[in-house]
């Protein structure tokens, strides 16, 4: 399977007229999405906190995080976004995919709606 990319609009939830659009690599191994710091600052976002992230090599880093609205493939979600370095490729992590009920189609190398709908763990059906 090759790389999967999707166009994403990143919007400041408190100033919806401030938006940046980019082509994001879908990274199901990443929790949150990464966007170059200057693009987030352009739309008026500033770090609200820091999270510790584990990198592929096992090392850990503290990274600045804010919340942004992400729009892609006709879906919208508000999720954590990481302030990346200027040379960081925009990445779409798995939490926005979960929030919008999307999954990667490995045969087509694209995103698609999850066929079975949303999953609920820990809830059981109660028959009347």
N, C-alpha and C. Protein backbone atom coordinates (compact mmCIF):
# COMPACT_ATOMS: atom_id res chain seq x y z
N UNK A 1 0.85 -1.18 0.00
CA UNK A 1 0.00 0.00 0.00
C UNK A 1 0.89 1.23 0.00
N UNK A 2 0.56 2.21 -0.82
CA UNK A 2 1.29 3.46 -0.86
C UNK A 2 0.77 4.45 0.16
N UNK A 3 1.32 5.64 0.12
CA UNK A 3 0.91 6.70 1.04
C UNK A 3 -0.47 7.22 0.65
N UNK A 4 -1.24 7.62 1.65
CA UNK A 4 -2.57 8.18 1.44
C UNK A 4 -2.55 9.64 1.84
N UNK A 5 -3.02 10.51 0.95
CA UNK A 5 -3.08 11.94 1.20
C UNK A 5 -4.51 12.42 1.09
N UNK A 6 -4.82 13.49 1.83
CA UNK A 6 -6.16 14.08 1.78
C UNK A 6 -6.03 15.58 1.99
N UNK A 7 -6.84 16.36 1.27
CA UNK A 7 -6.87 17.81 1.47
C UNK A 7 -7.66 18.11 2.74
N UNK A 8 -7.07 18.97 3.59
CA UNK A 8 -7.68 19.31 4.87
C UNK A 8 -7.69 20.82 5.04
N UNK A 9 -8.82 21.36 5.48
CA UNK A 9 -8.92 22.76 5.88
C UNK A 9 -8.81 22.82 7.39
N UNK A 10 -7.88 23.64 7.88
CA UNK A 10 -7.66 23.82 9.32
C UNK A 10 -8.20 25.19 9.69
N UNK A 11 -9.13 25.23 10.64
CA UNK A 11 -9.80 26.47 11.00
C UNK A 11 -9.66 26.74 12.49
N UNK A 12 -9.49 28.02 12.81
CA UNK A 12 -9.50 28.45 14.20
C UNK A 12 -10.95 28.41 14.67
N UNK A 13 -11.30 27.55 15.64
CA UNK A 13 -12.71 27.45 16.06
C UNK A 13 -13.28 28.74 16.64
N UNK A 14 -12.41 29.62 17.16
CA UNK A 14 -12.88 30.88 17.73
C UNK A 14 -12.90 32.02 16.72
N UNK A 15 -12.36 31.78 15.52
CA UNK A 15 -12.36 32.77 14.44
C UNK A 15 -12.51 32.02 13.12
N UNK A 16 -13.73 31.55 12.82
CA UNK A 16 -13.94 30.65 11.68
C UNK A 16 -13.53 31.21 10.32
N UNK A 17 -13.33 32.51 10.23
CA UNK A 17 -12.89 33.09 8.97
C UNK A 17 -11.39 32.87 8.74
N UNK A 18 -10.68 32.39 9.77
CA UNK A 18 -9.23 32.17 9.67
C UNK A 18 -8.97 30.69 9.42
N UNK A 19 -8.57 30.39 8.18
CA UNK A 19 -8.41 29.01 7.74
C UNK A 19 -7.12 28.86 6.93
N UNK A 20 -6.51 27.70 7.06
CA UNK A 20 -5.38 27.31 6.21
C UNK A 20 -5.69 25.95 5.63
N UNK A 21 -5.37 25.74 4.35
CA UNK A 21 -5.62 24.47 3.70
C UNK A 21 -4.31 23.83 3.26
N UNK A 22 -4.23 22.50 3.42
CA UNK A 22 -3.04 21.78 3.02
C UNK A 22 -3.36 20.35 2.64
N UNK A 23 -2.39 19.71 2.03
CA UNK A 23 -2.49 18.31 1.66
C UNK A 23 -1.78 17.50 2.74
N UNK A 24 -2.51 16.65 3.47
CA UNK A 24 -2.01 15.94 4.64
C UNK A 24 -1.75 14.47 4.32
N UNK A 25 -0.63 13.97 4.83
CA UNK A 25 -0.35 12.54 4.79
C UNK A 25 -1.17 11.90 5.90
N UNK A 26 -1.94 10.87 5.57
CA UNK A 26 -2.71 10.15 6.58
C UNK A 26 -1.76 9.19 7.29
N UNK A 27 -1.65 9.36 8.61
CA UNK A 27 -0.73 8.54 9.41
C UNK A 27 -1.51 7.89 10.53
N UNK A 28 -1.97 6.66 10.30
CA UNK A 28 -2.78 5.96 11.30
C UNK A 28 -1.97 5.56 12.53
N UNK A 29 -0.65 5.69 12.47
CA UNK A 29 0.19 5.42 13.63
C UNK A 29 0.36 6.62 14.54
N UNK A 30 -0.09 7.79 14.07
CA UNK A 30 -0.02 9.02 14.88
C UNK A 30 -1.36 9.23 15.57
N UNK A 31 -1.31 9.69 16.79
CA UNK A 31 -2.54 9.97 17.52
C UNK A 31 -3.17 11.27 17.03
N UNK A 32 -2.42 12.36 17.11
CA UNK A 32 -2.93 13.68 16.76
C UNK A 32 -2.36 14.11 15.41
N UNK A 33 -2.82 15.23 14.91
CA UNK A 33 -2.36 15.77 13.64
C UNK A 33 -1.24 16.77 13.88
N UNK A 34 -0.31 16.84 12.94
CA UNK A 34 0.84 17.74 13.05
C UNK A 34 0.75 18.74 11.91
N UNK A 35 0.94 20.02 12.26
CA UNK A 35 0.86 21.11 11.28
C UNK A 35 2.01 22.07 11.58
N UNK A 36 2.69 22.59 10.54
CA UNK A 36 3.76 23.54 10.81
C UNK A 36 3.28 24.71 11.69
N UNK A 37 4.09 25.06 12.66
CA UNK A 37 3.75 26.11 13.63
C UNK A 37 3.28 27.40 12.95
N UNK A 38 3.99 27.82 11.89
CA UNK A 38 3.64 29.10 11.26
C UNK A 38 2.23 29.07 10.67
N UNK A 39 1.79 27.92 10.18
CA UNK A 39 0.43 27.82 9.60
C UNK A 39 -0.62 27.94 10.69
N UNK A 40 -0.37 27.35 11.86
CA UNK A 40 -1.30 27.48 12.98
C UNK A 40 -1.33 28.90 13.51
N UNK A 41 -0.16 29.53 13.61
CA UNK A 41 -0.10 30.91 14.07
C UNK A 41 -0.77 31.86 13.09
N UNK A 42 -0.65 31.58 11.78
CA UNK A 42 -1.31 32.38 10.74
C UNK A 42 -2.81 32.47 10.96
N UNK A 43 -3.41 31.41 11.46
CA UNK A 43 -4.86 31.42 11.66
C UNK A 43 -5.23 31.78 13.10
N UNK A 44 -4.25 32.26 13.85
CA UNK A 44 -4.52 32.79 15.18
C UNK A 44 -4.49 31.79 16.31
N UNK A 45 -3.97 30.61 16.08
CA UNK A 45 -3.89 29.63 17.16
C UNK A 45 -2.57 29.77 17.91
N UNK A 46 -2.64 29.58 19.21
CA UNK A 46 -1.44 29.56 20.04
C UNK A 46 -1.51 28.33 20.93
N UNK A 47 -0.36 27.84 21.37
CA UNK A 47 -0.36 26.63 22.20
C UNK A 47 -1.18 26.83 23.48
N UNK A 48 -1.93 25.80 23.82
CA UNK A 48 -2.74 25.83 25.04
C UNK A 48 -2.16 24.92 26.12
N UNK A 49 -1.37 23.93 25.70
CA UNK A 49 -0.73 23.02 26.64
C UNK A 49 0.33 22.22 25.91
N UNK A 50 1.00 21.35 26.62
CA UNK A 50 1.98 20.45 26.01
C UNK A 50 1.60 19.02 26.36
N UNK A 51 1.85 18.13 25.40
CA UNK A 51 1.68 16.70 25.61
C UNK A 51 3.02 16.03 25.36
N UNK A 52 3.22 14.90 26.01
CA UNK A 52 4.40 14.08 25.74
C UNK A 52 4.04 13.07 24.66
N UNK A 53 4.86 13.04 23.62
CA UNK A 53 4.65 12.11 22.50
C UNK A 53 5.84 11.18 22.39
N UNK A 54 5.57 9.93 22.05
CA UNK A 54 6.64 8.98 21.79
C UNK A 54 6.87 8.92 20.29
N UNK A 55 8.12 9.10 19.87
CA UNK A 55 8.47 9.06 18.47
C UNK A 55 8.76 7.64 18.02
N UNK A 56 8.89 7.44 16.73
CA UNK A 56 9.10 6.10 16.17
C UNK A 56 10.35 5.43 16.71
N UNK A 57 11.37 6.24 17.09
CA UNK A 57 12.61 5.66 17.62
C UNK A 57 12.53 5.36 19.12
N UNK A 58 11.37 5.60 19.73
CA UNK A 58 11.19 5.33 21.15
C UNK A 58 11.46 6.51 22.06
N UNK A 59 12.05 7.57 21.52
CA UNK A 59 12.32 8.76 22.35
C UNK A 59 11.02 9.51 22.60
N UNK A 60 11.04 10.34 23.63
CA UNK A 60 9.86 11.12 23.98
C UNK A 60 10.16 12.60 23.88
N UNK A 61 9.16 13.38 23.41
CA UNK A 61 9.31 14.82 23.28
C UNK A 61 8.05 15.50 23.80
N UNK A 62 8.23 16.69 24.34
CA UNK A 62 7.11 17.54 24.76
C UNK A 62 6.79 18.47 23.60
N UNK A 63 5.54 18.48 23.14
CA UNK A 63 5.16 19.31 22.00
C UNK A 63 3.95 20.18 22.35
N UNK A 64 3.95 21.39 21.79
CA UNK A 64 2.84 22.32 21.98
C UNK A 64 1.61 21.83 21.23
N UNK A 65 0.43 22.05 21.85
CA UNK A 65 -0.83 21.56 21.30
C UNK A 65 -1.90 22.63 21.47
N UNK A 66 -2.80 22.71 20.49
CA UNK A 66 -4.01 23.54 20.57
C UNK A 66 -5.15 22.73 19.95
N UNK A 67 -6.35 23.28 19.98
CA UNK A 67 -7.46 22.63 19.30
C UNK A 67 -7.81 23.41 18.06
N UNK A 68 -8.13 22.67 17.00
CA UNK A 68 -8.52 23.29 15.73
C UNK A 68 -9.65 22.48 15.12
N UNK A 69 -10.37 23.14 14.22
CA UNK A 69 -11.40 22.45 13.45
C UNK A 69 -10.74 21.93 12.18
N UNK A 70 -10.92 20.65 11.89
CA UNK A 70 -10.42 20.05 10.66
C UNK A 70 -11.60 19.65 9.80
N UNK A 71 -11.54 20.04 8.52
CA UNK A 71 -12.58 19.68 7.56
C UNK A 71 -11.94 18.91 6.42
N UNK A 72 -12.43 17.70 6.16
CA UNK A 72 -11.94 16.93 5.03
C UNK A 72 -13.01 15.95 4.58
N UNK A 73 -13.08 15.75 3.28
CA UNK A 73 -14.03 14.82 2.68
C UNK A 73 -15.46 15.03 3.16
N UNK A 74 -15.86 16.28 3.33
CA UNK A 74 -17.22 16.60 3.73
C UNK A 74 -17.52 16.41 5.20
N UNK A 75 -16.51 16.13 6.00
CA UNK A 75 -16.68 15.91 7.44
C UNK A 75 -15.93 16.97 8.23
N UNK A 76 -16.37 17.20 9.47
CA UNK A 76 -15.77 18.21 10.35
C UNK A 76 -15.56 17.63 11.73
N UNK A 77 -14.43 17.99 12.34
CA UNK A 77 -14.19 17.61 13.74
C UNK A 77 -13.31 18.68 14.38
N UNK A 78 -13.38 18.76 15.69
CA UNK A 78 -12.48 19.63 16.45
C UNK A 78 -11.61 18.72 17.29
N UNK A 79 -10.29 18.82 17.06
CA UNK A 79 -9.34 17.90 17.66
C UNK A 79 -8.06 18.64 18.06
N UNK A 80 -7.22 17.94 18.82
CA UNK A 80 -5.90 18.48 19.14
C UNK A 80 -5.03 18.48 17.89
N UNK A 81 -4.27 19.56 17.73
CA UNK A 81 -3.28 19.65 16.67
C UNK A 81 -1.95 20.02 17.31
N UNK A 82 -0.88 19.43 16.77
CA UNK A 82 0.47 19.63 17.30
C UNK A 82 1.17 20.69 16.46
N UNK A 83 1.86 21.60 17.15
CA UNK A 83 2.66 22.63 16.49
C UNK A 83 3.97 21.98 16.04
N UNK A 84 4.08 21.72 14.74
CA UNK A 84 5.26 21.06 14.21
C UNK A 84 6.34 22.06 13.80
N UNK A 85 7.51 21.52 13.48
CA UNK A 85 8.59 22.35 12.94
C UNK A 85 8.16 22.90 11.59
N UNK A 86 8.90 23.88 11.10
CA UNK A 86 8.55 24.49 9.82
C UNK A 86 8.66 23.52 8.66
N UNK A 87 9.54 22.54 8.75
CA UNK A 87 9.68 21.58 7.67
C UNK A 87 8.82 20.32 7.88
N UNK A 88 7.96 20.35 8.88
CA UNK A 88 7.11 19.19 9.17
C UNK A 88 6.07 19.02 8.08
N UNK A 89 5.95 17.79 7.59
CA UNK A 89 4.88 17.50 6.64
C UNK A 89 3.57 17.42 7.43
N UNK A 90 2.52 18.09 6.96
CA UNK A 90 1.24 17.98 7.67
C UNK A 90 0.78 16.52 7.70
N UNK A 91 0.46 16.05 8.91
CA UNK A 91 0.00 14.67 9.11
C UNK A 91 -1.40 14.68 9.70
N UNK A 92 -2.23 13.80 9.22
CA UNK A 92 -3.56 13.60 9.78
C UNK A 92 -3.52 12.32 10.59
N UNK A 93 -3.62 12.44 11.91
CA UNK A 93 -3.55 11.29 12.82
C UNK A 93 -4.85 10.51 12.88
N UNK A 94 -4.84 9.46 13.70
CA UNK A 94 -6.01 8.57 13.72
C UNK A 94 -7.20 9.14 14.49
N UNK A 95 -7.00 10.08 15.43
CA UNK A 95 -8.16 10.61 16.16
C UNK A 95 -9.13 11.38 15.26
N UNK A 96 -8.64 12.21 14.32
CA UNK A 96 -9.60 12.84 13.40
C UNK A 96 -10.32 11.80 12.53
N UNK A 97 -9.64 10.73 12.18
CA UNK A 97 -10.30 9.67 11.40
C UNK A 97 -11.42 9.05 12.22
N UNK A 98 -11.14 8.76 13.49
CA UNK A 98 -12.16 8.19 14.37
C UNK A 98 -13.33 9.17 14.54
N UNK A 99 -13.00 10.45 14.73
CA UNK A 99 -14.04 11.46 14.98
C UNK A 99 -14.97 11.65 13.78
N UNK A 100 -14.48 11.35 12.58
CA UNK A 100 -15.28 11.54 11.37
C UNK A 100 -15.75 10.22 10.76
N UNK A 101 -15.51 9.11 11.46
CA UNK A 101 -15.95 7.79 11.02
C UNK A 101 -15.31 7.38 9.69
N UNK A 102 -14.02 7.72 9.53
CA UNK A 102 -13.27 7.38 8.32
C UNK A 102 -12.26 6.28 8.61
N UNK A 103 -11.87 5.58 7.55
CA UNK A 103 -10.81 4.59 7.64
C UNK A 103 -10.04 4.59 6.34
N UNK A 104 -8.83 4.04 6.38
CA UNK A 104 -8.03 3.93 5.17
C UNK A 104 -8.44 2.66 4.44
N UNK A 105 -8.69 2.81 3.16
CA UNK A 105 -8.97 1.67 2.29
C UNK A 105 -7.62 1.18 1.76
N UNK A 106 -7.10 0.06 2.30
CA UNK A 106 -5.76 -0.37 1.92
C UNK A 106 -5.64 -0.77 0.45
N UNK A 107 -6.72 -1.22 -0.16
CA UNK A 107 -6.63 -1.62 -1.56
C UNK A 107 -6.62 -0.42 -2.49
N UNK A 108 -7.28 0.65 -2.09
CA UNK A 108 -7.35 1.84 -2.94
C UNK A 108 -6.43 2.96 -2.51
N UNK A 109 -5.82 2.84 -1.32
CA UNK A 109 -4.94 3.89 -0.83
C UNK A 109 -5.64 5.21 -0.65
N UNK A 110 -6.87 5.16 -0.16
CA UNK A 110 -7.65 6.39 0.03
C UNK A 110 -8.46 6.27 1.32
N UNK A 111 -9.04 7.39 1.74
CA UNK A 111 -9.94 7.37 2.89
C UNK A 111 -11.35 7.04 2.41
N UNK A 112 -12.09 6.37 3.28
CA UNK A 112 -13.49 6.09 2.99
C UNK A 112 -14.27 6.06 4.29
N UNK A 113 -15.58 6.23 4.17
CA UNK A 113 -16.45 6.12 5.34
C UNK A 113 -16.40 4.69 5.85
N UNK A 114 -16.36 4.55 7.18
CA UNK A 114 -16.39 3.22 7.78
C UNK A 114 -17.76 2.61 7.50
N UNK A 115 -17.76 1.44 6.92
CA UNK A 115 -18.99 0.79 6.46
C UNK A 115 -19.95 0.48 7.60
N UNK A 116 -19.44 0.04 8.72
CA UNK A 116 -20.29 -0.40 9.82
C UNK A 116 -20.67 0.71 10.78
N UNK A 117 -20.37 1.94 10.43
CA UNK A 117 -20.73 3.04 11.30
C UNK A 117 -19.78 3.19 12.47
N UNK A 118 -20.23 3.86 13.49
CA UNK A 118 -19.39 4.15 14.64
C UNK A 118 -19.38 2.96 15.59
N UNK A 119 -18.29 2.82 16.34
CA UNK A 119 -18.16 1.74 17.30
C UNK A 119 -18.35 2.29 18.71
N UNK A 120 -19.03 1.50 19.55
CA UNK A 120 -19.23 1.88 20.93
C UNK A 120 -18.73 0.74 21.79
N UNK A 121 -17.73 1.00 22.58
CA UNK A 121 -17.15 -0.03 23.43
C UNK A 121 -17.71 0.13 24.83
N UNK A 122 -18.07 -0.96 25.44
CA UNK A 122 -18.55 -0.91 26.82
C UNK A 122 -20.04 -0.64 26.95
N UNK A 123 -20.74 -0.55 25.84
CA UNK A 123 -22.17 -0.32 25.87
C UNK A 123 -22.85 -1.59 25.34
N UNK A 124 -23.84 -2.05 26.02
CA UNK A 124 -24.56 -3.21 25.52
C UNK A 124 -25.99 -2.84 25.19
N UNK A 125 -26.52 -3.53 24.23
CA UNK A 125 -27.88 -3.27 23.80
C UNK A 125 -28.84 -3.82 24.85
N UNK A 126 -29.82 -3.06 25.20
CA UNK A 126 -30.85 -3.50 26.14
C UNK A 126 -32.14 -3.68 25.34
N UNK A 127 -32.62 -4.90 25.27
CA UNK A 127 -33.85 -5.17 24.55
C UNK A 127 -35.03 -4.92 25.47
N UNK A 128 -36.05 -4.27 24.91
CA UNK A 128 -37.27 -3.99 25.71
C UNK A 128 -38.09 -5.20 25.92
